[in-house]
Amino acid sequence: VQKEICYFTQEGQPTGTPVDIFEPDISSSG
């Protein structure tokens, strides 16, 4: 699972660098 915060202008243009929130390893969880 990967989640990150992305930023946009009010006209829908991506801006800045996405910030990772978390990336848990679920490979052994089933």
PDB file of all heavy atoms in Angstrom:
ATOM      1  N   VAL A   1       0.846  -1.189   0.000  1.00  0.00           N
ATOM      2  CA  VAL A   1       0.000   0.000   0.000  1.00  0.00           C
ATOM      3  C   VAL A   1       0.880   1.238   0.000  1.00  0.00           C
ATOM      4  O   VAL A   1       1.801   1.352   0.801  1.00  0.00           O
ATOM      5  CB  VAL A   1      -0.916   0.025   1.230  1.00  0.00           C
ATOM      6  CG1 VAL A   1      -1.792   1.270   1.204  1.00  0.00           C
ATOM      7  CG2 VAL A   1      -1.780  -1.218   1.273  1.00  0.00           C
ATOM      8  N   GLN A   2       0.603   2.159  -0.890  1.00  0.00           N
ATOM      9  CA  GLN A   2       1.342   3.408  -0.943  1.00  0.00           C
ATOM     10  C   GLN A   2       0.351   4.569  -0.960  1.00  0.00           C
ATOM     11  O   GLN A   2      -0.581   4.570  -1.758  1.00  0.00           O
ATOM     12  CB  GLN A   2       2.223   3.473  -2.185  1.00  0.00           C
ATOM     13  CG  GLN A   2       3.331   2.438  -2.202  1.00  0.00           C
ATOM     14  CD  GLN A   2       4.091   2.437  -3.509  1.00  0.00           C
ATOM     15  OE1 GLN A   2       3.513   2.503  -4.570  1.00  0.00           O
ATOM     16  NE2 GLN A   2       5.400   2.375  -3.419  1.00  0.00           N
ATOM     17  N   LYS A   3       0.541   5.516  -0.080  1.00  0.00           N
ATOM     18  CA  LYS A   3      -0.299   6.700  -0.042  1.00  0.00           C
ATOM     19  C   LYS A   3       0.595   7.925   0.046  1.00  0.00           C
ATOM     20  O   LYS A   3       1.573   7.924   0.797  1.00  0.00           O
ATOM     21  CB  LYS A   3      -1.278   6.660   1.131  1.00  0.00           C
ATOM     22  CG  LYS A   3      -2.364   5.596   1.005  1.00  0.00           C
ATOM     23  CD  LYS A   3      -3.328   5.670   2.158  1.00  0.00           C
ATOM     24  CE  LYS A   3      -4.387   4.572   2.088  1.00  0.00           C
ATOM     25  NZ  LYS A   3      -5.311   4.777   0.963  1.00  0.00           N
ATOM     26  N   GLU A   4       0.273   8.935  -0.709  1.00  0.00           N
ATOM     27  CA  GLU A   4       1.049  10.164  -0.663  1.00  0.00           C
ATOM     28  C   GLU A   4       0.142  11.356  -0.929  1.00  0.00           C
ATOM     29  O   GLU A   4      -0.884  11.236  -1.599  1.00  0.00           O
ATOM     30  CB  GLU A   4       2.194  10.131  -1.674  1.00  0.00           C
ATOM     31  CG  GLU A   4       1.753   9.857  -3.091  1.00  0.00           C
ATOM     32  CD  GLU A   4       2.937   9.646  -4.020  1.00  0.00           C
ATOM     33  OE1 GLU A   4       4.084   9.631  -3.549  1.00  0.00           O
ATOM     34  OE2 GLU A   4       2.704   9.494  -5.235  1.00  0.00           O
ATOM     35  N   ILE A   5       0.515  12.502  -0.363  1.00  0.00           N
ATOM     36  CA  ILE A   5      -0.247  13.730  -0.555  1.00  0.00           C
ATOM     37  C   ILE A   5       0.281  14.428  -1.805  1.00  0.00           C
ATOM     38  O   ILE A   5       1.479  14.661  -1.940  1.00  0.00           O
ATOM     39  CB  ILE A   5      -0.123  14.654   0.662  1.00  0.00           C
ATOM     40  CG1 ILE A   5      -0.637  13.957   1.926  1.00  0.00           C
ATOM     41  CG2 ILE A   5      -0.907  15.942   0.435  1.00  0.00           C
ATOM     42  CD1 ILE A   5      -0.431  14.758   3.189  1.00  0.00           C
ATOM     43  N   CYS A   6      -0.639  14.750  -2.718  1.00  0.00           N
ATOM     44  CA  CYS A   6      -0.285  15.471  -3.939  1.00  0.00           C
ATOM     45  C   CYS A   6      -0.908  16.863  -3.882  1.00  0.00           C
ATOM     46  O   CYS A   6      -1.964  17.059  -3.278  1.00  0.00           O
ATOM     47  CB  CYS A   6      -0.797  14.720  -5.168  1.00  0.00           C
ATOM     48  SG  CYS A   6      -0.133  13.055  -5.338  1.00  0.00           S
ATOM     49  N   TYR A   7      -0.274  17.828  -4.547  1.00  0.00           N
ATOM     50  CA  TYR A   7      -0.717  19.216  -4.494  1.00  0.00           C
ATOM     51  C   TYR A   7      -1.060  19.716  -5.897  1.00  0.00           C
ATOM     52  O   TYR A   7      -0.394  19.367  -6.876  1.00  0.00           O
ATOM     53  CB  TYR A   7       0.361  20.098  -3.871  1.00  0.00           C
ATOM     54  CG  TYR A   7       0.729  19.669  -2.458  1.00  0.00           C
ATOM     55  CD1 TYR A   7       1.839  18.856  -2.230  1.00  0.00           C
ATOM     56  CD2 TYR A   7      -0.042  20.069  -1.374  1.00  0.00           C
ATOM     57  CE1 TYR A   7       2.163  18.453  -0.946  1.00  0.00           C
ATOM     58  CE2 TYR A   7       0.288  19.673  -0.085  1.00  0.00           C
ATOM     59  CZ  TYR A   7       1.387  18.858   0.120  1.00  0.00           C
ATOM     60  OH  TYR A   7       1.706  18.456   1.393  1.00  0.00           O
ATOM     61  N   PHE A   8      -2.103  20.560  -5.967  1.00  0.00           N
ATOM     62  CA  PHE A   8      -2.581  21.077  -7.241  1.00  0.00           C
ATOM     63  C   PHE A   8      -2.963  22.544  -7.093  1.00  0.00           C
ATOM     64  O   PHE A   8      -3.388  22.985  -6.016  1.00  0.00           O
ATOM     65  CB  PHE A   8      -3.814  20.298  -7.725  1.00  0.00           C
ATOM     66  CG  PHE A   8      -3.591  18.824  -7.847  1.00  0.00           C
ATOM     67  CD1 PHE A   8      -3.771  17.987  -6.756  1.00  0.00           C
ATOM     68  CD2 PHE A   8      -3.206  18.267  -9.051  1.00  0.00           C
ATOM     69  CE1 PHE A   8      -3.558  16.623  -6.853  1.00  0.00           C
ATOM     70  CE2 PHE A   8      -2.988  16.901  -9.165  1.00  0.00           C
ATOM     71  CZ  PHE A   8      -3.162  16.079  -8.073  1.00  0.00           C
ATOM     72  N   THR A   9      -2.831  23.292  -8.188  1.00  0.00           N
ATOM     73  CA  THR A   9      -3.370  24.645  -8.208  1.00  0.00           C
ATOM     74  C   THR A   9      -4.880  24.560  -8.351  1.00  0.00           C
ATOM     75  O   THR A   9      -5.445  23.494  -8.616  1.00  0.00           O
ATOM     76  CB  THR A   9      -2.791  25.450  -9.384  1.00  0.00           C
ATOM     77  OG1 THR A   9      -3.320  24.908 -10.618  1.00  0.00           O
ATOM     78  CG2 THR A   9      -1.267  25.380  -9.410  1.00  0.00           C
ATOM     79  N   GLN A  10      -5.555  25.676  -8.192  1.00  0.00           N
ATOM     80  CA  GLN A  10      -7.006  25.695  -8.341  1.00  0.00           C
ATOM     81  C   GLN A  10      -7.447  25.540  -9.790  1.00  0.00           C
ATOM     82  O   GLN A  10      -8.646  25.469 -10.078  1.00  0.00           O
ATOM     83  CB  GLN A  10      -7.590  26.956  -7.724  1.00  0.00           C
ATOM     84  CG  GLN A  10      -7.413  27.009  -6.210  1.00  0.00           C
ATOM     85  CD  GLN A  10      -8.078  28.205  -5.563  1.00  0.00           C
ATOM     86  OE1 GLN A  10      -9.017  28.799  -6.102  1.00  0.00           O
ATOM     87  NE2 GLN A  10      -7.607  28.580  -4.366  1.00  0.00           N
ATOM     88  N   GLU A  11      -6.485  25.472 -10.707  1.00  0.00           N
ATOM     89  CA  GLU A  11      -6.794  25.202 -12.107  1.00  0.00           C
ATOM     90  C   GLU A  11      -6.380  23.782 -12.504  1.00  0.00           C
ATOM     91  O   GLU A  11      -6.312  23.438 -13.683  1.00  0.00           O
ATOM     92  CB  GLU A  11      -6.123  26.223 -13.019  1.00  0.00           C
ATOM     93  CG  GLU A  11      -6.607  27.638 -12.794  1.00  0.00           C
ATOM     94  CD  GLU A  11      -8.117  27.779 -12.907  1.00  0.00           C
ATOM     95  OE1 GLU A  11      -8.711  27.136 -13.811  1.00  0.00           O
ATOM     96  OE2 GLU A  11      -8.706  28.511 -12.084  1.00  0.00           O
ATOM     97  N   GLY A  12      -6.073  22.949 -11.496  1.00  0.00           N
ATOM     98  CA  GLY A  12      -5.827  21.544 -11.752  1.00  0.00           C
ATOM     99  C   GLY A  12      -4.426  21.185 -12.187  1.00  0.00           C
ATOM    100  O   GLY A  12      -4.205  20.074 -12.686  1.00  0.00           O
ATOM    101  N   GLN A  13      -3.474  22.085 -11.977  1.00  0.00           N
ATOM    102  CA  GLN A  13      -2.099  21.796 -12.371  1.00  0.00           C
ATOM    103  C   GLN A  13      -1.316  21.223 -11.181  1.00  0.00           C
ATOM    104  O   GLN A  13      -1.301  21.834 -10.109  1.00  0.00           O
ATOM    105  CB  GLN A  13      -1.411  23.065 -12.877  1.00  0.00           C
ATOM    106  CG  GLN A  13      -2.051  23.660 -14.117  1.00  0.00           C
ATOM    107  CD  GLN A  13      -2.003  22.699 -15.293  1.00  0.00           C
ATOM    108  OE1 GLN A  13      -0.985  22.076 -15.565  1.00  0.00           O
ATOM    109  NE2 GLN A  13      -3.120  22.577 -16.004  1.00  0.00           N
ATOM    110  N   PRO A  14      -0.675  20.051 -11.349  1.00  0.00           N
ATOM    111  CA  PRO A  14       0.144  19.513 -10.260  1.00  0.00           C
ATOM    112  C   PRO A  14       1.269  20.483  -9.914  1.00  0.00           C
ATOM    113  O   PRO A  14       1.837  21.139 -10.796  1.00  0.00           O
ATOM    114  CB  PRO A  14       0.705  18.213 -10.847  1.00  0.00           C
ATOM    115  CG  PRO A  14      -0.189  17.880 -11.987  1.00  0.00           C
ATOM    116  CD  PRO A  14      -0.673  19.184 -12.541  1.00  0.00           C
ATOM    117  N   THR A  15       1.594  20.583  -8.651  1.00  0.00           N
ATOM    118  CA  THR A  15       2.656  21.474  -8.229  1.00  0.00           C
ATOM    119  C   THR A  15       3.355  20.888  -7.018  1.00  0.00           C
ATOM    120  O   THR A  15       2.755  20.140  -6.233  1.00  0.00           O
ATOM    121  CB  THR A  15       2.109  22.885  -7.895  1.00  0.00           C
ATOM    122  OG1 THR A  15       3.183  23.751  -7.577  1.00  0.00           O
ATOM    123  CG2 THR A  15       1.127  22.835  -6.742  1.00  0.00           C
ATOM    124  N   GLY A  16       4.609  21.187  -6.850  1.00  0.00           N
ATOM    125  CA  GLY A  16       5.353  20.676  -5.710  1.00  0.00           C
ATOM    126  C   GLY A  16       5.665  19.192  -5.834  1.00  0.00           C
ATOM    127  O   GLY A  16       5.421  18.565  -6.862  1.00  0.00           O
ATOM    128  N   THR A  17       6.194  18.630  -4.776  1.00  0.00           N
ATOM    129  CA  THR A  17       6.587  17.220  -4.724  1.00  0.00           C
ATOM    130  C   THR A  17       5.637  16.446  -3.820  1.00  0.00           C
ATOM    131  O   THR A  17       5.402  16.866  -2.675  1.00  0.00           O
ATOM    132  CB  THR A  17       8.025  17.084  -4.185  1.00  0.00           C
ATOM    133  OG1 THR A  17       8.905  17.838  -5.018  1.00  0.00           O
ATOM    134  CG2 THR A  17       8.458  15.621  -4.169  1.00  0.00           C
ATOM    135  N   PRO A  18       5.064  15.316  -4.306  1.00  0.00           N
ATOM    136  CA  PRO A  18       4.198  14.506  -3.438  1.00  0.00           C
ATOM    137  C   PRO A  18       4.924  14.075  -2.172  1.00  0.00           C
ATOM    138  O   PRO A  18       6.129  13.826  -2.184  1.00  0.00           O
ATOM    139  CB  PRO A  18       3.854  13.299  -4.321  1.00  0.00           C
ATOM    140  CG  PRO A  18       4.019  13.799  -5.722  1.00  0.00           C
ATOM    141  CD  PRO A  18       5.165  14.769  -5.660  1.00  0.00           C
ATOM    142  N   VAL A  19       4.197  13.990  -1.064  1.00  0.00           N
ATOM    143  CA  VAL A  19       4.760  13.625   0.231  1.00  0.00           C
ATOM    144  C   VAL A  19       4.235  12.259   0.637  1.00  0.00           C
ATOM    145  O   VAL A  19       3.021  12.050   0.738  1.00  0.00           O
ATOM    146  CB  VAL A  19       4.382  14.669   1.305  1.00  0.00           C
ATOM    147  CG1 VAL A  19       4.938  14.253   2.668  1.00  0.00           C
ATOM    148  CG2 VAL A  19       4.882  16.049   0.907  1.00  0.00           C
ATOM    149  N   ASP A  20       5.138  11.294   0.867  1.00  0.00           N
ATOM    150  CA  ASP A  20       4.739   9.966   1.303  1.00  0.00           C
ATOM    151  C   ASP A  20       4.069  10.029   2.672  1.00  0.00           C
ATOM    152  O   ASP A  20       4.514  10.747   3.567  1.00  0.00           O
ATOM    153  CB  ASP A  20       5.946   9.025   1.390  1.00  0.00           C
ATOM    154  CG  ASP A  20       6.467   8.632   0.013  1.00  0.00           C
ATOM    155  OD1 ASP A  20       5.679   8.699  -0.949  1.00  0.00           O
ATOM    156  OD2 ASP A  20       7.644   8.257  -0.081  1.00  0.00           O
ATOM    157  N   ILE A  21       2.996   9.259   2.830  1.00  0.00           N
ATOM    158  CA  ILE A  21       2.326   9.153   4.123  1.00  0.00           C
ATOM    159  C   ILE A  21       2.776   7.879   4.824  1.00  0.00           C
ATOM    160  O   ILE A  21       3.276   7.888   5.922  1.00  0.00           O
ATOM    161  CB  ILE A  21       0.796   9.163   3.967  1.00  0.00           C
ATOM    162  CG1 ILE A  21       0.357  10.454   3.282  1.00  0.00           C
ATOM    163  CG2 ILE A  21       0.116   9.006   5.322  1.00  0.00           C
ATOM    164  CD1 ILE A  21      -1.118  10.514   3.004  1.00  0.00           C
ATOM    165  N   PHE A  22       2.554   6.729   4.180  1.00  0.00           N
ATOM    166  CA  PHE A  22       3.049   5.472   4.728  1.00  0.00           C
ATOM    167  C   PHE A  22       3.120   4.444   3.611  1.00  0.00           C
ATOM    168  O   PHE A  22       2.516   4.583   2.569  1.00  0.00           O
ATOM    169  CB  PHE A  22       2.176   4.956   5.878  1.00  0.00           C
ATOM    170  CG  PHE A  22       0.766   4.629   5.478  1.00  0.00           C
ATOM    171  CD1 PHE A  22       0.446   3.392   4.947  1.00  0.00           C
ATOM    172  CD2 PHE A  22      -0.250   5.561   5.650  1.00  0.00           C
ATOM    173  CE1 PHE A  22      -0.854   3.085   4.595  1.00  0.00           C
ATOM    174  CE2 PHE A  22      -1.559   5.258   5.289  1.00  0.00           C
ATOM    175  CZ  PHE A  22      -1.862   4.020   4.764  1.00  0.00           C
ATOM    176  N   GLU A  23       3.879   3.397   3.877  1.00  0.00           N
ATOM    177  CA  GLU A  23       4.046   2.333   2.903  1.00  0.00           C
ATOM    178  C   GLU A  23       4.227   1.003   3.644  1.00  0.00           C
ATOM    179  O   GLU A  23       5.316   0.435   3.700  1.00  0.00           O
ATOM    180  CB  GLU A  23       5.257   2.594   2.010  1.00  0.00           C
ATOM    181  CG  GLU A  23       5.396   1.607   0.860  1.00  0.00           C
ATOM    182  CD  GLU A  23       6.542   1.982  -0.054  1.00  0.00           C
ATOM    183  OE1 GLU A  23       6.911   3.164  -0.094  1.00  0.00           O
ATOM    184  OE2 GLU A  23       7.077   1.081  -0.723  1.00  0.00           O
ATOM    185  N   PRO A  24       3.159   0.494   4.294  1.00  0.00           N
ATOM    186  CA  PRO A  24       3.298  -0.747   5.060  1.00  0.00           C
ATOM    187  C   PRO A  24       3.515  -1.948   4.146  1.00  0.00           C
ATOM    188  O   PRO A  24       3.023  -1.988   3.029  1.00  0.00           O
ATOM    189  CB  PRO A  24       1.959  -0.849   5.796  1.00  0.00           C
ATOM    190  CG  PRO A  24       1.002  -0.120   4.919  1.00  0.00           C
ATOM    191  CD  PRO A  24       1.796   1.001   4.305  1.00  0.00           C
ATOM    192  N   ASP A  25       4.247  -2.916   4.631  1.00  0.00           N
ATOM    193  CA  ASP A  25       4.494  -4.145   3.886  1.00  0.00           C
ATOM    194  C   ASP A  25       3.420  -5.154   4.246  1.00  0.00           C
ATOM    195  O   ASP A  25       3.314  -5.574   5.394  1.00  0.00           O
ATOM    196  CB  ASP A  25       5.872  -4.700   4.235  1.00  0.00           C
ATOM    197  CG  ASP A  25       6.194  -5.956   3.426  1.00  0.00           C
ATOM    198  OD1 ASP A  25       5.363  -6.336   2.570  1.00  0.00           O
ATOM    199  OD2 ASP A  25       7.260  -6.545   3.655  1.00  0.00           O
ATOM    200  N   ILE A  26       2.585  -5.533   3.285  1.00  0.00           N
ATOM    201  CA  ILE A  26       1.513  -6.493   3.554  1.00  0.00           C
ATOM    202  C   ILE A  26       1.769  -7.799   2.819  1.00  0.00           C
ATOM    203  O   ILE A  26       0.882  -8.613   2.665  1.00  0.00           O
ATOM    204  CB  ILE A  26       0.142  -5.933   3.139  1.00  0.00           C
ATOM    205  CG1 ILE A  26       0.120  -5.637   1.642  1.00  0.00           C
ATOM    206  CG2 ILE A  26      -0.208  -4.710   3.950  1.00  0.00           C
ATOM    207  CD1 ILE A  26      -1.265  -5.315   1.113  1.00  0.00           C
ATOM    208  N   SER A  27       2.999  -8.020   2.377  1.00  0.00           N
ATOM    209  CA  SER A  27       3.297  -9.186   1.554  1.00  0.00           C
ATOM    210  C   SER A  27       3.037 -10.501   2.280  1.00  0.00           C
ATOM    211  O   SER A  27       2.774 -11.514   1.653  1.00  0.00           O
ATOM    212  CB  SER A  27       4.735  -9.145   1.075  1.00  0.00           C
ATOM    213  OG  SER A  27       5.628  -9.099   2.181  1.00  0.00           O
ATOM    214  N   SER A  28       3.096 -10.494   3.617  1.00  0.00           N
ATOM    215  CA  SER A  28       2.885 -11.744   4.363  1.00  0.00           C
ATOM    216  C   SER A  28       1.571 -11.773   5.093  1.00  0.00           C
ATOM    217  O   SER A  28       1.310 -12.675   5.888  1.00  0.00           O
ATOM    218  CB  SER A  28       4.031 -11.931   5.365  1.00  0.00           C
ATOM    219  OG  SER A  28       4.044 -10.857   6.301  1.00  0.00           O
ATOM    220  N   SER A  29       0.695 -10.781   4.852  1.00  0.00           N
ATOM    221  CA  SER A  29      -0.555 -10.699   5.615  1.00  0.00           C
ATOM    222  C   SER A  29      -1.663 -11.519   5.011  1.00  0.00           C
ATOM    223  O   SER A  29      -2.691 -11.742   5.659  1.00  0.00           O
ATOM    224  CB  SER A  29      -1.009  -9.241   5.704  1.00  0.00           C
ATOM    225  OG  SER A  29      -1.419  -8.771   4.430  1.00  0.00           O
ATOM    226  N   GLY A  30      -1.496 -11.943   3.770  1.00  0.00           N
ATOM    227  CA  GLY A  30      -2.569 -12.687   3.124  1.00  0.00           C
ATOM    228  C   GLY A  30      -3.605 -11.788   2.489  1.00  0.00           C
ATOM    229  O   GLY A  30      -4.573 -12.260   1.893  1.00  0.00           O
TER     230      GLY A  30
END
